[in-house]
């Protein structure tokens, strides 16, 4: 009788243990993680809204650039480390202006990520790009144009489209970078010289900076509106001399040290949203 009771107790204990284990091994549809915020090389790094499901793991990476230089983030050089395995990231590079901020959604594909409760993100591929880099001396460009293409340093450019009217002038250029470093184009630095001998800034002065790697191309549009001065300043009738100033440059960026960020499971949020 004692043997039977003992066996029953052992069996009940095993069943209870198995039940507890089953409760702990809950599979969630989604896993949510705690936000991460860290300082690094005068930058503020934030991992926001990190989440994983059966087929992917992702988060929004925010970078506040607290420096007077540009920050280039080659996201493909960063990586996840999950259960000791390194997983590469494939995302478009990000360029952040001085004292500005930028963000990218960083995403990896794979099976079973909704069972991963913690991992590391190796923030690598950060580069500092001097904002005061010397530009490449570039010949002025006349509108109306006698020819549509020109070359400056490792850049080849072509006037793709132009509208030259009294009320507005738009000139769209497409440029290719053929150098071995990284090419930058700053449309905000471009001006036009008018018959009154004054220079007028490109009205799209906040136009995004363009970053080009070898063999890549992109376009930008320069814009000027009606100017005071009557017929002597009528953009449809007069010659306009585009002054490139320091709009074109190529730079070898300075690489910053990498930063390891720990991403951990948010149990409360997962229990609330993840089932």
C-alpha atoms as a PDB file:
ATOM      1  CA  UNK A   1       0.000   0.000   0.000  1.00  0.00           C
ATOM      2  CA  UNK A   2       2.845   2.346   0.875  1.00  0.00           C
ATOM      3  CA  UNK A   3       4.500   1.476  -2.452  1.00  0.00           C
ATOM      4  CA  UNK A   4       1.333   2.393  -4.339  1.00  0.00           C
ATOM      5  CA  UNK A   5       1.016   5.671  -2.443  1.00  0.00           C
ATOM      6  CA  UNK A   6       4.659   6.481  -3.059  1.00  0.00           C
ATOM      7  CA  UNK A   7       4.272   5.766  -6.769  1.00  0.00           C
ATOM      8  CA  UNK A   8       1.171   7.936  -6.931  1.00  0.00           C
ATOM      9  CA  UNK A   9       2.991  10.793  -5.228  1.00  0.00           C
ATOM     10  CA  UNK A  10       5.953  10.530  -7.630  1.00  0.00           C
ATOM     11  CA  UNK A  11       3.605  10.416 -10.621  1.00  0.00           C
ATOM     12  CA  UNK A  12       1.666  13.422  -9.373  1.00  0.00           C
ATOM     13  CA  UNK A  13       4.918  15.296  -8.813  1.00  0.00           C
ATOM     14  CA  UNK A  14       6.110  14.523 -12.351  1.00  0.00           C
ATOM     15  CA  UNK A  15       2.795  15.614 -13.834  1.00  0.00           C
ATOM     16  CA  UNK A  16       2.900  18.822 -11.820  1.00  0.00           C
ATOM     17  CA  UNK A  17       6.476  19.538 -12.941  1.00  0.00           C
ATOM     18  CA  UNK A  18       5.593  18.892 -16.571  1.00  0.00           C
ATOM     19  CA  UNK A  19       2.597  21.175 -16.265  1.00  0.00           C
ATOM     20  CA  UNK A  20       4.759  23.970 -14.843  1.00  0.00           C
ATOM     21  CA  UNK A  21       7.303  23.519 -17.631  1.00  0.00           C
ATOM     22  CA  UNK A  22       4.548  23.625 -20.217  1.00  0.00           C
ATOM     23  CA  UNK A  23       3.330  26.892 -18.715  1.00  0.00           C
ATOM     24  CA  UNK A  24       6.829  28.399 -18.916  1.00  0.00           C
ATOM     25  CA  UNK A  25       7.407  27.346 -22.523  1.00  0.00           C
ATOM     26  CA  UNK A  26       4.739  29.612 -23.936  1.00  0.00           C
ATOM     27  CA  UNK A  27       5.032  30.345 -27.642  1.00  0.00           C
ATOM     28  CA  UNK A  28       4.083  33.900 -28.482  1.00  0.00           C
ATOM     29  CA  UNK A  29       2.899  35.167 -31.819  1.00  0.00           C
ATOM     30  CA  UNK A  30       5.093  38.205 -31.213  1.00  0.00           C
ATOM     31  CA  UNK A  31       7.912  38.978 -28.805  1.00  0.00           C
ATOM     32  CA  UNK A  32       8.327  42.568 -27.650  1.00  0.00           C
ATOM     33  CA  UNK A  33      11.541  44.036 -26.263  1.00  0.00           C
ATOM     34  CA  UNK A  34      12.516  46.932 -24.030  1.00  0.00           C
ATOM     35  CA  UNK A  35      13.635  50.163 -25.669  1.00  0.00           C
ATOM     36  CA  UNK A  36      17.370  50.850 -25.522  1.00  0.00           C
ATOM     37  CA  UNK A  37      19.002  54.282 -25.303  1.00  0.00           C
ATOM     38  CA  UNK A  38      22.746  54.884 -25.184  1.00  0.00           C
ATOM     39  CA  UNK A  39      25.335  57.580 -25.835  1.00  0.00           C
ATOM     40  CA  UNK A  40      28.153  56.882 -28.275  1.00  0.00           C
ATOM     41  CA  UNK A  41      30.795  59.220 -29.753  1.00  0.00           C
ATOM     42  CA  UNK A  42      28.633  62.363 -29.286  1.00  0.00           C
ATOM     43  CA  UNK A  43      25.661  60.521 -30.742  1.00  0.00           C
ATOM     44  CA  UNK A  44      22.452  59.435 -29.045  1.00  0.00           C
ATOM     45  CA  UNK A  45      21.414  55.943 -30.136  1.00  0.00           C
ATOM     46  CA  UNK A  46      17.893  54.597 -29.561  1.00  0.00           C
ATOM     47  CA  UNK A  47      16.440  51.189 -30.360  1.00  0.00           C
ATOM     48  CA  UNK A  48      12.689  51.708 -30.449  1.00  0.00           C
ATOM     49  CA  UNK A  49       9.743  49.335 -30.782  1.00  0.00           C
ATOM     50  CA  UNK A  50      11.807  46.160 -31.133  1.00  0.00           C
ATOM     51  CA  UNK A  51       9.608  43.184 -32.010  1.00  0.00           C
ATOM     52  CA  UNK A  52      10.017  39.658 -33.366  1.00  0.00           C
ATOM     53  CA  UNK A  53       7.696  37.063 -34.830  1.00  0.00           C
ATOM     54  CA  UNK A  54       8.138  33.638 -36.366  1.00  0.00           C
ATOM     55  CA  UNK A  55       9.782  34.982 -39.525  1.00  0.00           C
ATOM     56  CA  UNK A  56      11.571  38.220 -38.651  1.00  0.00           C
ATOM     57  CA  UNK A  57      13.066  40.458 -35.989  1.00  0.00           C
ATOM     58  CA  UNK A  58      13.147  44.232 -36.348  1.00  0.00           C
ATOM     59  CA  UNK A  59      13.302  47.589 -34.623  1.00  0.00           C
ATOM     60  CA  UNK A  60      13.528  51.286 -35.435  1.00  0.00           C
ATOM     61  CA  UNK A  61      17.040  52.618 -34.936  1.00  0.00           C
ATOM     62  CA  UNK A  62      17.211  56.349 -34.213  1.00  0.00           C
ATOM     63  CA  UNK A  63      20.441  58.348 -34.240  1.00  0.00           C
ATOM     64  CA  UNK A  64      20.711  61.921 -32.972  1.00  0.00           C
ATOM     65  CA  UNK A  65      23.834  63.558 -34.377  1.00  0.00           C
ATOM     66  CA  UNK A  66      25.090  65.967 -31.730  1.00  0.00           C
ATOM     67  CA  UNK A  67      28.200  66.943 -33.701  1.00  0.00           C
ATOM     68  CA  UNK A  68      29.091  69.649 -36.225  1.00  0.00           C
ATOM     69  CA  UNK A  69      29.909  66.998 -38.830  1.00  0.00           C
ATOM     70  CA  UNK A  70      27.889  64.627 -40.976  1.00  0.00           C
ATOM     71  CA  UNK A  71      27.393  61.079 -39.763  1.00  0.00           C
ATOM     72  CA  UNK A  72      27.319  58.280 -42.323  1.00  0.00           C
ATOM     73  CA  UNK A  73      25.812  55.005 -41.164  1.00  0.00           C
ATOM     74  CA  UNK A  74      26.552  52.020 -43.417  1.00  0.00           C
ATOM     75  CA  UNK A  75      23.919  49.793 -41.893  1.00  0.00           C
ATOM     76  CA  UNK A  76      25.092  46.711 -43.784  1.00  0.00           C
ATOM     77  CA  UNK A  77      28.201  46.691 -41.562  1.00  0.00           C
ATOM     78  CA  UNK A  78      26.111  46.211 -38.424  1.00  0.00           C
ATOM     79  CA  UNK A  79      24.801  42.829 -37.243  1.00  0.00           C
ATOM     80  CA  UNK A  80      22.613  40.909 -34.832  1.00  0.00           C
ATOM     81  CA  UNK A  81      24.100  38.271 -32.541  1.00  0.00           C
ATOM     82  CA  UNK A  82      21.402  35.732 -31.627  1.00  0.00           C
ATOM     83  CA  UNK A  83      22.302  32.638 -29.598  1.00  0.00           C
ATOM     84  CA  UNK A  84      25.950  33.201 -30.493  1.00  0.00           C
ATOM     85  CA  UNK A  85      25.264  33.384 -34.235  1.00  0.00           C
ATOM     86  CA  UNK A  86      26.050  36.545 -36.222  1.00  0.00           C
ATOM     87  CA  UNK A  87      23.351  37.659 -38.660  1.00  0.00           C
ATOM     88  CA  UNK A  88      24.124  40.314 -41.258  1.00  0.00           C
ATOM     89  CA  UNK A  89      21.871  43.282 -41.949  1.00  0.00           C
ATOM     90  CA  UNK A  90      20.953  44.561 -45.397  1.00  0.00           C
ATOM     91  CA  UNK A  91      19.621  48.124 -45.394  1.00  0.00           C
ATOM     92  CA  UNK A  92      20.303  51.337 -47.322  1.00  0.00           C
ATOM     93  CA  UNK A  93      22.956  53.636 -45.840  1.00  0.00           C
ATOM     94  CA  UNK A  94      21.875  56.678 -43.837  1.00  0.00           C
ATOM     95  CA  UNK A  95      23.445  60.166 -43.916  1.00  0.00           C
ATOM     96  CA  UNK A  96      22.652  62.499 -41.011  1.00  0.00           C
ATOM     97  CA  UNK A  97      23.339  66.241 -41.167  1.00  0.00           C
ATOM     98  CA  UNK A  98      25.102  68.104 -38.329  1.00  0.00           C
ATOM     99  CA  UNK A  99      22.912  68.490 -35.229  1.00  0.00           C
ATOM    100  CA  UNK A 100      20.077  66.598 -36.896  1.00  0.00           C
ATOM    101  CA  UNK A 101      18.652  63.119 -36.422  1.00  0.00           C
ATOM    102  CA  UNK A 102      17.793  60.198 -38.673  1.00  0.00           C
ATOM    103  CA  UNK A 103      16.297  56.734 -38.444  1.00  0.00           C
ATOM    104  CA  UNK A 104      16.029  53.411 -40.232  1.00  0.00           C
ATOM    105  CA  UNK A 105      14.012  50.247 -39.633  1.00  0.00           C
ATOM    106  CA  UNK A 106      16.558  47.458 -39.173  1.00  0.00           C
ATOM    107  CA  UNK A 107      15.164  44.078 -40.144  1.00  0.00           C
ATOM    108  CA  UNK A 108      16.380  40.484 -40.419  1.00  0.00           C
ATOM    109  CA  UNK A 109      14.498  37.490 -41.786  1.00  0.00           C
ATOM    110  CA  UNK A 110      14.602  33.996 -40.307  1.00  0.00           C
ATOM    111  CA  UNK A 111      12.641  31.323 -38.499  1.00  0.00           C
ATOM    112  CA  UNK A 112      11.785  31.136 -34.817  1.00  0.00           C
ATOM    113  CA  UNK A 113      12.642  34.670 -33.743  1.00  0.00           C
ATOM    114  CA  UNK A 114       9.502  34.770 -31.592  1.00  0.00           C
ATOM    115  CA  UNK A 115      11.290  32.470 -29.121  1.00  0.00           C
ATOM    116  CA  UNK A 116      14.373  34.701 -28.687  1.00  0.00           C
ATOM    117  CA  UNK A 117      14.267  36.535 -25.357  1.00  0.00           C
ATOM    118  CA  UNK A 118      17.498  38.510 -25.703  1.00  0.00           C
ATOM    119  CA  UNK A 119      20.136  39.299 -28.301  1.00  0.00           C
ATOM    120  CA  UNK A 120      22.935  41.732 -29.090  1.00  0.00           C
ATOM    121  CA  UNK A 121      22.987  44.348 -31.806  1.00  0.00           C
ATOM    122  CA  UNK A 122      26.487  45.348 -32.892  1.00  0.00           C
ATOM    123  CA  UNK A 123      26.243  48.936 -34.069  1.00  0.00           C
ATOM    124  CA  UNK A 124      29.059  49.118 -36.595  1.00  0.00           C
ATOM    125  CA  UNK A 125      29.514  51.108 -39.799  1.00  0.00           C
ATOM    126  CA  UNK A 126      29.360  54.601 -38.291  1.00  0.00           C
ATOM    127  CA  UNK A 127      31.556  57.204 -39.995  1.00  0.00           C
ATOM    128  CA  UNK A 128      32.206  60.882 -39.394  1.00  0.00           C
ATOM    129  CA  UNK A 129      32.268  63.098 -42.495  1.00  0.00           C
ATOM    130  CA  UNK A 130      33.707  66.626 -42.096  1.00  0.00           C
ATOM    131  CA  UNK A 131      31.126  69.286 -42.904  1.00  0.00           C
ATOM    132  CA  UNK A 132      33.824  71.782 -43.909  1.00  0.00           C
ATOM    133  CA  UNK A 133      35.555  69.553 -46.465  1.00  0.00           C
ATOM    134  CA  UNK A 134      37.049  71.514 -49.337  1.00  0.00           C
ATOM    135  CA  UNK A 135      35.050  71.333 -52.536  1.00  0.00           C
ATOM    136  CA  UNK A 136      36.331  70.448 -55.996  1.00  0.00           C
ATOM    137  CA  UNK A 137      36.928  73.460 -58.239  1.00  0.00           C
ATOM    138  CA  UNK A 138      34.157  73.256 -60.831  1.00  0.00           C
ATOM    139  CA  UNK A 139      33.726  75.488 -63.904  1.00  0.00           C
ATOM    140  CA  UNK A 140      30.670  77.731 -63.970  1.00  0.00           C
ATOM    141  CA  UNK A 141      27.732  76.502 -66.017  1.00  0.00           C
ATOM    142  CA  UNK A 142      25.842  78.874 -68.324  1.00  0.00           C
ATOM    143  CA  UNK A 143      22.081  78.916 -68.857  1.00  0.00           C
ATOM    144  CA  UNK A 144      21.031  78.713 -71.608  1.00  0.00           C
ATOM    145  CA  UNK A 145      23.576  75.926 -72.016  1.00  0.00           C
ATOM    146  CA  UNK A 146      25.986  75.612 -74.921  1.00  0.00           C
ATOM    147  CA  UNK A 147      26.463  71.950 -73.943  1.00  0.00           C
ATOM    148  CA  UNK A 148      24.571  69.750 -71.513  1.00  0.00           C
ATOM    149  CA  UNK A 149      27.342  67.759 -69.858  1.00  0.00           C
ATOM    150  CA  UNK A 150      30.431  68.550 -67.810  1.00  0.00           C
ATOM    151  CA  UNK A 151      33.012  66.833 -65.638  1.00  0.00           C
ATOM    152  CA  UNK A 152      34.428  67.893 -62.290  1.00  0.00           C
ATOM    153  CA  UNK A 153      36.970  65.715 -60.529  1.00  0.00           C
ATOM    154  CA  UNK A 154      35.560  62.177 -60.350  1.00  0.00           C
ATOM    155  CA  UNK A 155      32.002  63.379 -61.141  1.00  0.00           C
ATOM    156  CA  UNK A 156      30.363  63.384 -64.546  1.00  0.00           C
ATOM    157  CA  UNK A 157      27.149  65.416 -64.785  1.00  0.00           C
ATOM    158  CA  UNK A 158      24.482  66.114 -67.357  1.00  0.00           C
ATOM    159  CA  UNK A 159      21.750  68.729 -67.597  1.00  0.00           C
ATOM    160  CA  UNK A 160      18.677  66.521 -67.911  1.00  0.00           C
ATOM    161  CA  UNK A 161      15.936  69.114 -67.986  1.00  0.00           C
ATOM    162  CA  UNK A 162      15.632  72.886 -67.798  1.00  0.00           C
ATOM    163  CA  UNK A 163      12.755  75.380 -67.578  1.00  0.00           C
ATOM    164  CA  UNK A 164      13.925  78.966 -67.995  1.00  0.00           C
ATOM    165  CA  UNK A 165      11.059  81.428 -67.719  1.00  0.00           C
ATOM    166  CA  UNK A 166      10.536  84.915 -66.344  1.00  0.00           C
ATOM    167  CA  UNK A 167       8.814  83.654 -63.201  1.00  0.00           C
ATOM    168  CA  UNK A 168      10.959  80.620 -62.446  1.00  0.00           C
ATOM    169  CA  UNK A 169      14.035  78.705 -63.529  1.00  0.00           C
ATOM    170  CA  UNK A 170      14.448  75.006 -62.782  1.00  0.00           C
ATOM    171  CA  UNK A 171      17.535  73.061 -63.837  1.00  0.00           C
ATOM    172  CA  UNK A 172      17.753  69.334 -63.189  1.00  0.00           C
ATOM    173  CA  UNK A 173      21.185  67.681 -63.233  1.00  0.00           C
ATOM    174  CA  UNK A 174      22.117  64.016 -63.001  1.00  0.00           C
ATOM    175  CA  UNK A 175      25.601  63.146 -61.738  1.00  0.00           C
ATOM    176  CA  UNK A 176      27.657  59.951 -61.485  1.00  0.00           C
ATOM    177  CA  UNK A 177      30.568  59.454 -59.097  1.00  0.00           C
ATOM    178  CA  UNK A 178      33.524  57.443 -60.419  1.00  0.00           C
ATOM    179  CA  UNK A 179      36.043  57.922 -57.625  1.00  0.00           C
ATOM    180  CA  UNK A 180      37.475  55.497 -55.084  1.00  0.00           C
ATOM    181  CA  UNK A 181      36.325  57.329 -51.929  1.00  0.00           C
ATOM    182  CA  UNK A 182      32.784  58.610 -51.298  1.00  0.00           C
ATOM    183  CA  UNK A 183      31.344  61.444 -53.342  1.00  0.00           C
ATOM    184  CA  UNK A 184      29.112  64.151 -51.934  1.00  0.00           C
ATOM    185  CA  UNK A 185      26.990  66.762 -53.678  1.00  0.00           C
ATOM    186  CA  UNK A 186      25.585  69.715 -51.725  1.00  0.00           C
ATOM    187  CA  UNK A 187      22.876  71.479 -53.802  1.00  0.00           C
ATOM    188  CA  UNK A 188      22.429  73.975 -50.963  1.00  0.00           C
ATOM    189  CA  UNK A 189      25.831  75.508 -51.803  1.00  0.00           C
ATOM    190  CA  UNK A 190      24.955  76.298 -55.424  1.00  0.00           C
ATOM    191  CA  UNK A 191      24.188  79.888 -56.500  1.00  0.00           C
ATOM    192  CA  UNK A 192      23.481  81.753 -59.737  1.00  0.00           C
ATOM    193  CA  UNK A 193      25.196  84.948 -60.850  1.00  0.00           C
ATOM    194  CA  UNK A 194      22.879  87.426 -62.573  1.00  0.00           C
ATOM    195  CA  UNK A 195      23.551  90.511 -64.733  1.00  0.00           C
ATOM    196  CA  UNK A 196      23.519  92.716 -61.625  1.00  0.00           C
ATOM    197  CA  UNK A 197      26.720  90.833 -60.600  1.00  0.00           C
ATOM    198  CA  UNK A 198      25.028  89.495 -57.490  1.00  0.00           C
ATOM    199  CA  UNK A 199      24.795  85.810 -56.602  1.00  0.00           C
ATOM    200  CA  UNK A 200      21.475  84.253 -55.596  1.00  0.00           C
ATOM    201  CA  UNK A 201      21.325  81.021 -53.611  1.00  0.00           C
ATOM    202  CA  UNK A 202      19.504  77.967 -54.856  1.00  0.00           C
ATOM    203  CA  UNK A 203      16.022  78.356 -53.381  1.00  0.00           C
ATOM    204  CA  UNK A 204      15.992  74.699 -52.403  1.00  0.00           C
ATOM    205  CA  UNK A 205      18.689  75.599 -49.890  1.00  0.00           C
ATOM    206  CA  UNK A 206      17.585  72.756 -47.621  1.00  0.00           C
ATOM    207  CA  UNK A 207      17.830  70.207 -50.399  1.00  0.00           C
ATOM    208  CA  UNK A 208      19.157  66.915 -49.143  1.00  0.00           C
ATOM    209  CA  UNK A 209      22.844  66.211 -49.439  1.00  0.00           C
ATOM    210  CA  UNK A 210      23.609  63.474 -51.941  1.00  0.00           C
ATOM    211  CA  UNK A 211      26.044  60.684 -51.110  1.00  0.00           C
ATOM    212  CA  UNK A 212      27.405  58.516 -53.911  1.00  0.00           C
ATOM    213  CA  UNK A 213      29.607  55.445 -53.872  1.00  0.00           C
ATOM    214  CA  UNK A 214      31.661  54.430 -56.894  1.00  0.00           C
ATOM    215  CA  UNK A 215      29.580  53.978 -60.038  1.00  0.00           C
ATOM    216  CA  UNK A 216      26.369  55.325 -58.459  1.00  0.00           C
ATOM    217  CA  UNK A 217      24.338  58.249 -59.738  1.00  0.00           C
ATOM    218  CA  UNK A 218      21.596  60.579 -58.547  1.00  0.00           C
ATOM    219  CA  UNK A 219      19.907  63.808 -59.568  1.00  0.00           C
ATOM    220  CA  UNK A 220      19.074  67.180 -58.034  1.00  0.00           C
ATOM    221  CA  UNK A 221      17.110  70.261 -59.121  1.00  0.00           C
ATOM    222  CA  UNK A 222      18.198  73.887 -58.760  1.00  0.00           C
ATOM    223  CA  UNK A 223      15.474  76.542 -58.502  1.00  0.00           C
ATOM    224  CA  UNK A 224      15.285  80.338 -58.718  1.00  0.00           C
ATOM    225  CA  UNK A 225      12.150  82.491 -58.767  1.00  0.00           C
ATOM    226  CA  UNK A 226      11.382  85.879 -60.364  1.00  0.00           C
ATOM    227  CA  UNK A 227      13.909  88.520 -59.351  1.00  0.00           C
ATOM    228  CA  UNK A 228      13.519  92.278 -58.944  1.00  0.00           C
ATOM    229  CA  UNK A 229      15.103  94.489 -61.595  1.00  0.00           C
ATOM    230  CA  UNK A 230      12.746  94.441 -64.541  1.00  0.00           C
ATOM    231  CA  UNK A 231      13.809  93.222 -67.969  1.00  0.00           C
ATOM    232  CA  UNK A 232      17.495  93.308 -67.006  1.00  0.00           C
ATOM    233  CA  UNK A 233      16.767  90.493 -64.559  1.00  0.00           C
ATOM    234  CA  UNK A 234      14.214  88.603 -66.647  1.00  0.00           C
ATOM    235  CA  UNK A 235      15.430  85.015 -66.347  1.00  0.00           C
ATOM    236  CA  UNK A 236      13.845  84.054 -69.655  1.00  0.00           C
ATOM    237  CA  UNK A 237      15.880  86.664 -71.533  1.00  0.00           C
ATOM    238  CA  UNK A 238      19.232  86.960 -69.784  1.00  0.00           C
ATOM    239  CA  UNK A 239      22.186  84.653 -69.326  1.00  0.00           C
ATOM    240  CA  UNK A 240      22.420  82.988 -65.911  1.00  0.00           C
ATOM    241  CA  UNK A 241      25.762  81.728 -64.630  1.00  0.00           C
ATOM    242  CA  UNK A 242      25.544  78.797 -62.205  1.00  0.00           C
ATOM    243  CA  UNK A 243      28.289  78.986 -59.557  1.00  0.00           C
ATOM    244  CA  UNK A 244      28.950  75.559 -58.067  1.00  0.00           C
ATOM    245  CA  UNK A 245      31.074  76.854 -55.174  1.00  0.00           C
ATOM    246  CA  UNK A 246      31.888  73.803 -52.964  1.00  0.00           C
ATOM    247  CA  UNK A 247      28.940  71.694 -54.093  1.00  0.00           C
ATOM    248  CA  UNK A 248      31.095  68.746 -55.210  1.00  0.00           C
ATOM    249  CA  UNK A 249      33.540  66.969 -52.948  1.00  0.00           C
ATOM    250  CA  UNK A 250      34.920  63.504 -52.221  1.00  0.00           C
ATOM    251  CA  UNK A 251      35.896  62.332 -48.779  1.00  0.00           C
ATOM    252  CA  UNK A 252      37.423  59.374 -47.002  1.00  0.00           C
ATOM    253  CA  UNK A 253      35.194  59.187 -43.885  1.00  0.00           C
ATOM    254  CA  UNK A 254      36.660  58.530 -40.425  1.00  0.00           C
ATOM    255  CA  UNK A 255      35.264  55.307 -39.003  1.00  0.00           C
ATOM    256  CA  UNK A 256      33.971  55.402 -35.432  1.00  0.00           C
ATOM    257  CA  UNK A 257      34.311  52.517 -32.945  1.00  0.00           C
ATOM    258  CA  UNK A 258      31.533  49.944 -32.847  1.00  0.00           C
ATOM    259  CA  UNK A 259      28.988  49.780 -30.027  1.00  0.00           C
ATOM    260  CA  UNK A 260      27.336  46.677 -28.558  1.00  0.00           C
ATOM    261  CA  UNK A 261      23.715  47.098 -27.519  1.00  0.00           C
ATOM    262  CA  UNK A 262      21.832  44.556 -25.421  1.00  0.00           C
ATOM    263  CA  UNK A 263      18.202  43.998 -26.404  1.00  0.00           C
ATOM    264  CA  UNK A 264      16.116  42.214 -23.763  1.00  0.00           C
ATOM    265  CA  UNK A 265      12.638  40.767 -23.595  1.00  0.00           C
ATOM    266  CA  UNK A 266       9.815  42.911 -22.239  1.00  0.00           C
ATOM    267  CA  UNK A 267       7.778  40.231 -20.518  1.00  0.00           C
ATOM    268  CA  UNK A 268       4.928  42.522 -19.483  1.00  0.00           C
ATOM    269  CA  UNK A 269       4.458  43.954 -22.976  1.00  0.00           C
ATOM    270  CA  UNK A 270       4.706  40.529 -24.593  1.00  0.00           C
ATOM    271  CA  UNK A 271       2.080  39.088 -22.247  1.00  0.00           C
ATOM    272  CA  UNK A 272      -0.147  42.067 -23.018  1.00  0.00           C
ATOM    273  CA  UNK A 273       0.224  42.140 -26.830  1.00  0.00           C
ATOM    274  CA  UNK A 274       2.078  39.076 -27.950  1.00  0.00           C
ATOM    275  CA  UNK A 275      -0.379  36.204 -27.562  1.00  0.00           C
END
